């Protein structure tokens, strides 16, 4: 029997034991060369890991697959979680696949593209105010405490995507590191968009398990960069008082895996880079126009951080950095709505002239 290319079962020997893995074909995502950007920056090689190719469009499918497999194996009657969007959709899909009901507390300001797809699964959902952009450090930790207590009270698996709350489920992200060690053995840096710190910590753990020596770089928006700022020596601990960024998914002023990420990044020889929202949105556009890759703003934070590091001289020409592109562009499209509304309309017989007008400027 051939070894599967997708699904966590491929790495069963290195993951928590379950009787059967719940799968929708997660993992096994491609790595592509970003040759145009590499040439522009004077890098020998630059690549991207397309976690956008996972079944629900983000790396959170790896966590959901492991979490739901554990919940079913351990006899839980359902699950409960918090999410800014990606984790919720992943848990809804994989929970339904396993026949496990679930309840989700989603950030009320999460993009509609992340909220609408929850509806077909029939899970319990409440939109929570006071978390996300403008939130204080205590509001996010308070929500997680409420959800953790509810999980205990009602016999539900706590499916929050953080090592601090769901350490065995987060082992699913280790497989991202396993794959990268196989796909890009000469990788020198892994640029990881970072909110709660779980991705950076778990990715570093997976790479270390495979003796891959790449430096993990934490990439955060400047308005909510507790881990990056702590790594830079600006903060005594990886916590900030409040959140001031519109980059959905990276709005955690008190990241639950903050210290875990700090320790893992330092052990890898990495660092943290914080960039403002405008730079992140420019990087999102650049990825699309230069390489044909459309990601959500949180994912583009990896490229924005790399561009900043390159400008500061942190990268050499013979380095081979890899961007972890965590979520697909269709998950957050609101800023493209106005340009889309301006697309001109033409009658059938006017089409040749419209093409000719365009062709003159190519």
Protein backbone atom coordinates (compact mmCIF):
# COMPACT_ATOMS: atom_id res chain seq x y z
CA UNK A 1 0.00 0.00 0.00
CA UNK A 2 1.39 3.41 -0.98
CA UNK A 3 2.01 6.10 1.64
CA UNK A 4 -0.77 8.73 1.60
CA UNK A 5 0.26 12.24 0.54
CA UNK A 6 -2.51 13.95 2.52
CA UNK A 7 -4.00 13.53 5.98
CA UNK A 8 -2.41 13.38 9.41
CA UNK A 9 -2.36 9.58 9.37
CA UNK A 10 0.81 9.79 7.31
CA UNK A 11 2.59 10.94 10.49
CA UNK A 12 0.66 8.79 12.98
CA UNK A 13 3.84 7.49 14.61
CA UNK A 14 4.81 11.05 15.60
CA UNK A 15 1.37 12.22 16.77
CA UNK A 16 -0.92 11.52 19.73
CA UNK A 17 -2.52 8.08 19.50
CA UNK A 18 -6.09 7.82 18.18
CA UNK A 19 -8.01 4.84 16.87
CA UNK A 20 -8.72 6.61 13.58
CA UNK A 21 -7.89 9.99 12.10
CA UNK A 22 -10.77 12.15 10.93
CA UNK A 23 -9.74 13.56 7.57
CA UNK A 24 -10.92 15.77 4.74
CA UNK A 25 -7.60 15.52 2.88
CA UNK A 26 -5.74 18.11 4.96
CA UNK A 27 -1.99 18.62 4.77
CA UNK A 28 0.33 17.69 1.93
CA UNK A 29 0.12 21.31 0.78
CA UNK A 30 2.44 22.45 -2.00
CA UNK A 31 5.54 24.60 -1.82
CA UNK A 32 5.96 26.93 -4.79
CA UNK A 33 8.89 29.06 -5.90
CA UNK A 34 8.35 32.83 -5.86
CA UNK A 35 10.89 33.51 -8.58
CA UNK A 36 9.77 37.00 -9.57
CA UNK A 37 9.90 38.27 -6.01
CA UNK A 38 13.22 36.51 -5.39
CA UNK A 39 14.71 38.21 -8.46
CA UNK A 40 13.35 41.58 -7.38
CA UNK A 41 14.92 41.20 -3.92
CA UNK A 42 18.21 39.69 -5.04
CA UNK A 43 17.56 36.41 -3.25
CA UNK A 44 18.77 33.15 -4.74
CA UNK A 45 15.53 31.43 -3.74
CA UNK A 46 12.22 32.39 -2.12
CA UNK A 47 9.37 29.94 -1.64
CA UNK A 48 5.88 29.78 -0.17
CA UNK A 49 4.03 26.99 1.63
CA UNK A 50 0.43 27.16 0.41
CA UNK A 51 -1.64 26.31 3.47
CA UNK A 52 -4.41 27.94 1.45
CA UNK A 53 -4.76 24.56 -0.30
CA UNK A 54 -6.18 22.89 2.82
CA UNK A 55 -9.86 21.83 2.63
CA UNK A 56 -11.26 24.93 4.36
CA UNK A 57 -8.51 27.24 3.11
CA UNK A 58 -6.20 27.55 6.11
CA UNK A 59 -3.58 25.77 8.23
CA UNK A 60 -6.17 25.44 11.01
CA UNK A 61 -7.42 22.29 9.26
CA UNK A 62 -4.38 20.50 10.68
CA UNK A 63 -5.38 21.45 14.24
CA UNK A 64 -9.04 20.60 13.62
CA UNK A 65 -8.20 17.17 12.19
CA UNK A 66 -6.07 16.27 15.23
CA UNK A 67 -8.51 17.82 17.72
CA UNK A 68 -11.60 16.09 16.37
CA UNK A 69 -9.76 12.77 16.12
CA UNK A 70 -8.82 13.08 19.79
CA UNK A 71 -12.31 14.16 20.84
CA UNK A 72 -13.90 11.16 19.18
CA UNK A 73 -11.22 8.76 20.42
CA UNK A 74 -11.66 9.98 24.00
CA UNK A 75 -15.46 9.76 23.91
CA UNK A 76 -16.42 13.42 24.11
CA UNK A 77 -19.97 14.25 23.06
CA UNK A 78 -18.97 17.45 21.29
CA UNK A 79 -16.59 20.40 21.25
CA UNK A 80 -16.45 24.12 22.03
CA UNK A 81 -14.00 26.73 20.72
CA UNK A 82 -13.21 30.39 20.15
CA UNK A 83 -12.17 31.75 16.76
CA UNK A 84 -11.60 34.82 14.63
CA UNK A 85 -12.79 32.74 11.68
CA UNK A 86 -10.33 30.18 10.33
CA UNK A 87 -10.32 27.83 13.30
CA UNK A 88 -14.10 27.99 13.53
CA UNK A 89 -14.65 26.98 9.94
CA UNK A 90 -12.10 24.19 10.26
CA UNK A 91 -13.70 22.85 13.44
CA UNK A 92 -17.19 23.07 11.92
CA UNK A 93 -16.12 21.04 8.90
CA UNK A 94 -14.07 18.40 10.70
CA UNK A 95 -16.48 18.17 13.63
CA UNK A 96 -19.34 17.53 11.22
CA UNK A 97 -17.21 14.97 9.40
CA UNK A 98 -16.78 13.12 12.71
CA UNK A 99 -20.43 13.43 13.70
CA UNK A 100 -19.55 15.60 16.71
CA UNK A 101 -21.72 18.66 17.45
CA UNK A 102 -19.94 21.87 18.37
CA UNK A 103 -20.35 25.40 19.68
CA UNK A 104 -18.25 28.32 18.45
CA UNK A 105 -17.61 31.76 19.93
CA UNK A 106 -16.55 33.83 16.92
CA UNK A 107 -15.15 37.37 17.02
CA UNK A 108 -18.04 39.66 16.06
CA UNK A 109 -15.81 41.68 13.69
CA UNK A 110 -14.64 38.61 11.79
CA UNK A 111 -15.05 39.03 8.00
CA UNK A 112 -18.37 37.86 6.58
CA UNK A 113 -16.44 35.47 4.34
CA UNK A 114 -15.42 33.60 7.49
CA UNK A 115 -18.85 33.74 9.13
CA UNK A 116 -21.21 32.87 6.29
CA UNK A 117 -19.62 29.42 5.57
CA UNK A 118 -20.35 28.38 9.16
CA UNK A 119 -24.10 28.34 8.52
CA UNK A 120 -24.41 25.14 6.42
CA UNK A 121 -22.81 23.02 9.16
CA UNK A 122 -25.54 23.73 11.69
CA UNK A 123 -23.20 24.25 14.66
CA UNK A 124 -24.00 26.52 17.59
CA UNK A 125 -22.52 29.99 17.07
CA UNK A 126 -22.43 33.24 18.99
CA UNK A 127 -20.65 36.42 17.78
CA UNK A 128 -18.72 37.95 20.67
CA UNK A 129 -18.17 41.70 21.08
CA UNK A 130 -15.15 43.14 22.89
CA UNK A 131 -12.51 40.93 21.29
CA UNK A 132 -10.53 41.55 18.10
CA UNK A 133 -9.57 45.08 17.02
CA UNK A 134 -9.65 47.49 19.95
CA UNK A 135 -9.75 44.69 22.52
CA UNK A 136 -7.88 44.77 25.79
CA UNK A 137 -5.56 42.03 26.98
CA UNK A 138 -8.09 40.93 29.60
CA UNK A 139 -11.08 40.55 27.25
CA UNK A 140 -9.51 37.77 25.19
CA UNK A 141 -8.23 35.85 28.19
CA UNK A 142 -11.61 36.28 29.87
CA UNK A 143 -13.42 34.77 26.90
CA UNK A 144 -11.09 31.78 26.82
CA UNK A 145 -11.58 31.26 30.56
CA UNK A 146 -15.36 31.25 30.13
CA UNK A 147 -15.15 28.76 27.27
CA UNK A 148 -12.74 26.49 29.18
CA UNK A 149 -15.10 26.44 32.17
CA UNK A 150 -18.06 25.67 29.91
CA UNK A 151 -16.16 22.79 28.31
CA UNK A 152 -15.57 21.26 31.75
CA UNK A 153 -19.16 21.84 32.85
CA UNK A 154 -20.78 20.30 29.77
CA UNK A 155 -18.33 17.51 28.96
CA UNK A 156 -17.09 19.09 25.73
CA UNK A 157 -13.62 18.89 24.20
CA UNK A 158 -11.87 22.25 24.55
CA UNK A 159 -10.92 22.97 20.93
CA UNK A 160 -9.27 26.39 21.30
CA UNK A 161 -6.34 26.42 18.88
CA UNK A 162 -3.59 27.15 21.40
CA UNK A 163 -1.06 24.88 23.07
CA UNK A 164 -2.04 26.42 26.40
CA UNK A 165 -5.59 25.06 26.07
CA UNK A 166 -5.38 22.19 23.58
CA UNK A 167 -1.77 20.89 23.54
CA UNK A 168 -2.51 17.53 21.93
CA UNK A 169 -4.74 19.00 19.23
CA UNK A 170 -2.07 21.56 18.35
CA UNK A 171 0.28 18.71 17.52
CA UNK A 172 -1.49 18.69 14.16
CA UNK A 173 0.52 21.79 13.24
CA UNK A 174 3.74 19.88 13.84
CA UNK A 175 3.02 18.14 10.53
CA UNK A 176 3.57 21.47 8.77
CA UNK A 177 7.14 21.35 10.05
CA UNK A 178 7.50 17.69 9.05
CA UNK A 179 6.40 18.49 5.50
CA UNK A 180 8.68 21.50 5.14
CA UNK A 181 11.67 19.46 6.26
CA UNK A 182 10.92 17.06 3.41
CA UNK A 183 9.98 19.63 0.78
CA UNK A 184 12.58 22.36 1.43
CA UNK A 185 15.59 20.77 3.13
CA UNK A 186 17.71 23.87 2.40
CA UNK A 187 15.20 26.29 3.96
CA UNK A 188 16.99 28.90 6.07
CA UNK A 189 14.01 30.86 7.45
CA UNK A 190 10.33 30.14 8.02
CA UNK A 191 8.22 33.32 8.12
CA UNK A 192 5.11 32.61 10.22
CA UNK A 193 2.17 35.01 10.64
CA UNK A 194 1.55 35.15 14.38
CA UNK A 195 -1.41 35.98 16.58
CA UNK A 196 -1.67 33.67 19.57
CA UNK A 197 1.78 32.16 19.04
CA UNK A 198 0.59 28.60 18.47
CA UNK A 199 1.64 28.36 14.83
CA UNK A 200 5.18 29.63 15.46
CA UNK A 201 5.68 27.37 18.50
CA UNK A 202 4.24 24.25 16.88
CA UNK A 203 5.99 24.84 13.55
CA UNK A 204 9.32 25.21 15.36
CA UNK A 205 8.63 22.02 17.29
CA UNK A 206 7.90 20.10 14.10
CA UNK A 207 11.04 21.40 12.39
CA UNK A 208 13.18 20.54 15.43
CA UNK A 209 11.77 17.01 15.49
CA UNK A 210 13.07 16.59 11.95
CA UNK A 211 16.41 18.29 12.80
CA UNK A 212 15.64 21.13 10.37
CA UNK A 213 17.70 24.14 11.42
CA UNK A 214 15.64 26.96 9.86
CA UNK A 215 15.16 30.14 11.88
CA UNK A 216 11.48 30.76 12.67
CA UNK A 217 10.49 34.41 12.23
CA UNK A 218 7.39 35.69 14.04
CA UNK A 219 5.47 38.12 11.78
CA UNK A 220 2.97 40.44 13.49
CA UNK A 221 1.05 43.64 12.74
CA UNK A 222 2.61 46.62 14.48
CA UNK A 223 -0.65 47.44 16.25
CA UNK A 224 -0.68 44.08 18.01
CA UNK A 225 2.87 42.70 18.18
CA UNK A 226 3.46 41.46 21.74
CA UNK A 227 5.66 38.51 20.75
CA UNK A 228 7.76 40.38 18.19
CA UNK A 229 8.26 43.31 20.54
CA UNK A 230 9.24 41.04 23.42
CA UNK A 231 11.76 39.26 21.21
CA UNK A 232 13.16 42.67 20.26
CA UNK A 233 13.62 43.56 23.92
CA UNK A 234 10.91 46.24 23.94
CA UNK A 235 8.60 44.45 26.40
CA UNK A 236 9.28 42.54 29.60
CA UNK A 237 6.69 39.91 28.61
CA UNK A 238 4.84 39.08 25.37
CA UNK A 239 1.69 41.01 26.28
CA UNK A 240 0.40 44.43 25.25
CA UNK A 241 -2.40 46.41 26.84
CA UNK A 242 -4.65 46.55 23.79
CA UNK A 243 -5.03 45.75 20.10
CA UNK A 244 -4.90 48.34 17.29
CA UNK A 245 -4.85 46.47 13.98
CA UNK A 246 -7.46 45.52 11.40
CA UNK A 247 -5.63 42.36 10.37
CA UNK A 248 -8.16 39.67 11.25
CA UNK A 249 -6.71 36.61 12.98
CA UNK A 250 -3.72 38.43 14.47
CA UNK A 251 -5.58 40.48 17.08
CA UNK A 252 -4.41 38.89 20.34
CA UNK A 253 -2.80 41.35 22.77
CA UNK A 254 -2.29 38.57 25.36
CA UNK A 255 -1.32 35.57 23.18
CA UNK A 256 -1.97 32.29 25.02
CA UNK A 257 1.16 30.70 23.53
CA UNK A 258 3.23 33.87 23.69
CA UNK A 259 6.05 32.64 25.90
CA UNK A 260 6.06 29.22 24.25
CA UNK A 261 6.55 30.94 20.89
CA UNK A 262 9.27 33.19 22.27
CA UNK A 263 11.23 30.21 23.60
CA UNK A 264 10.81 28.20 20.39
CA UNK A 265 11.79 31.10 18.14
CA UNK A 266 14.88 31.88 20.19
CA UNK A 267 15.90 28.20 20.14
CA UNK A 268 15.63 28.22 16.34
CA UNK A 269 17.82 31.32 16.01
CA UNK A 270 14.87 33.36 14.80
CA UNK A 271 13.39 36.73 15.73
CA UNK A 272 10.23 38.80 15.50
CA UNK A 273 9.30 41.43 12.92
CA UNK A 274 6.38 43.86 13.24
CA UNK A 275 4.98 45.74 10.24
CA UNK A 276 2.10 48.20 9.94
CA UNK A 277 -1.28 47.37 8.40
CA UNK A 278 -0.58 49.40 5.24
CA UNK A 279 2.58 47.37 4.54
CA UNK A 280 0.64 44.14 5.04
CA UNK A 281 -2.06 45.16 2.57
CA UNK A 282 0.60 46.19 0.04
CA UNK A 283 2.23 42.78 0.44
CA UNK A 284 -1.14 41.09 -0.14
CA UNK A 285 -1.49 43.00 -3.42
CA UNK A 286 2.13 42.29 -4.40
CA UNK A 287 1.73 38.54 -3.93
CA UNK A 288 -1.30 38.58 -6.22
CA UNK A 289 0.14 40.78 -8.98
CA UNK A 290 3.70 39.40 -8.97
CA UNK A 291 3.09 35.71 -8.31
CA UNK A 292 -0.64 35.06 -8.85
CA UNK A 293 -1.13 34.06 -5.21
CA UNK A 294 -4.15 35.58 -3.45
CA UNK A 295 -4.08 35.31 0.35
CA UNK A 296 -5.88 36.97 3.23
CA UNK A 297 -4.09 39.89 4.92
CA UNK A 298 -2.97 37.78 7.90
CA UNK A 299 -1.10 35.45 5.55
CA UNK A 300 0.48 38.38 3.69
CA UNK A 301 2.03 39.50 6.97
CA UNK A 302 4.77 36.95 6.25
CA UNK A 303 5.78 38.70 3.03
CA UNK A 304 5.49 42.17 4.59
CA UNK A 305 7.85 41.06 7.37
CA UNK A 306 10.29 39.52 4.91
CA UNK A 307 10.36 42.73 2.86
CA UNK A 308 11.08 44.70 6.03
CA UNK A 309 13.83 42.29 7.07
CA UNK A 310 15.37 42.45 3.60
CA UNK A 311 15.42 46.25 3.71
CA UNK A 312 17.12 46.11 7.12
CA UNK A 313 19.79 43.71 5.83
CA UNK A 314 18.71 40.72 7.87
CA UNK A 315 18.73 38.39 4.85
CA UNK A 316 21.62 37.36 2.61
CA UNK A 317 21.54 36.60 -1.09
CA UNK A 318 22.16 32.89 -0.54
CA UNK A 319 19.35 32.48 2.01
CA UNK A 320 16.24 30.46 1.16
CA UNK A 321 13.32 31.81 3.19
CA UNK A 322 9.86 30.24 3.04
CA UNK A 323 6.65 32.18 3.61
CA UNK A 324 3.92 30.30 5.48
CA UNK A 325 0.80 31.45 3.65
CA UNK A 326 -1.75 30.59 6.29
CA UNK A 327 -5.12 31.51 4.76
CA UNK A 328 -6.76 31.95 1.36
CA UNK A 329 -7.71 35.32 -0.08
CA UNK A 330 -11.41 34.50 -0.39
CA UNK A 331 -11.60 34.56 3.43
CA UNK A 332 -11.32 38.36 3.63
CA UNK A 333 -12.31 40.25 0.47
CA UNK A 334 -14.08 43.34 1.79
CA UNK A 335 -11.43 45.84 0.68
CA UNK A 336 -11.83 44.67 -2.92
CA UNK A 337 -15.60 45.24 -2.96
CA UNK A 338 -15.42 48.87 -4.12
CA UNK A 339 -13.04 48.19 -7.05
CA UNK A 340 -15.20 45.21 -8.05
CA UNK A 341 -18.27 47.46 -8.13
CA UNK A 342 -16.46 49.72 -10.62
CA UNK A 343 -15.95 46.97 -13.22
CA UNK A 344 -17.53 48.45 -16.39
CA UNK A 345 -20.46 46.85 -18.17
CA UNK A 346 -20.50 46.47 -21.97
CA UNK A 347 -23.00 45.29 -24.55
CA UNK A 348 -22.04 42.25 -26.61
CA UNK A 349 -21.17 44.31 -29.69
CA UNK A 350 -18.99 46.63 -27.60
CA UNK A 351 -16.70 43.81 -26.42
CA UNK A 352 -14.19 44.05 -29.33
CA UNK A 353 -13.62 47.75 -28.58
CA UNK A 354 -13.23 47.06 -24.86
CA UNK A 355 -10.54 44.46 -25.61
CA UNK A 356 -8.83 46.80 -28.07
CA UNK A 357 -8.76 49.61 -25.50
CA UNK A 358 -7.19 47.26 -22.96
CA UNK A 359 -4.67 45.83 -25.45
CA UNK A 360 -3.28 49.29 -26.27
CA UNK A 361 -2.04 49.63 -22.70
CA UNK A 362 -0.53 46.15 -22.25
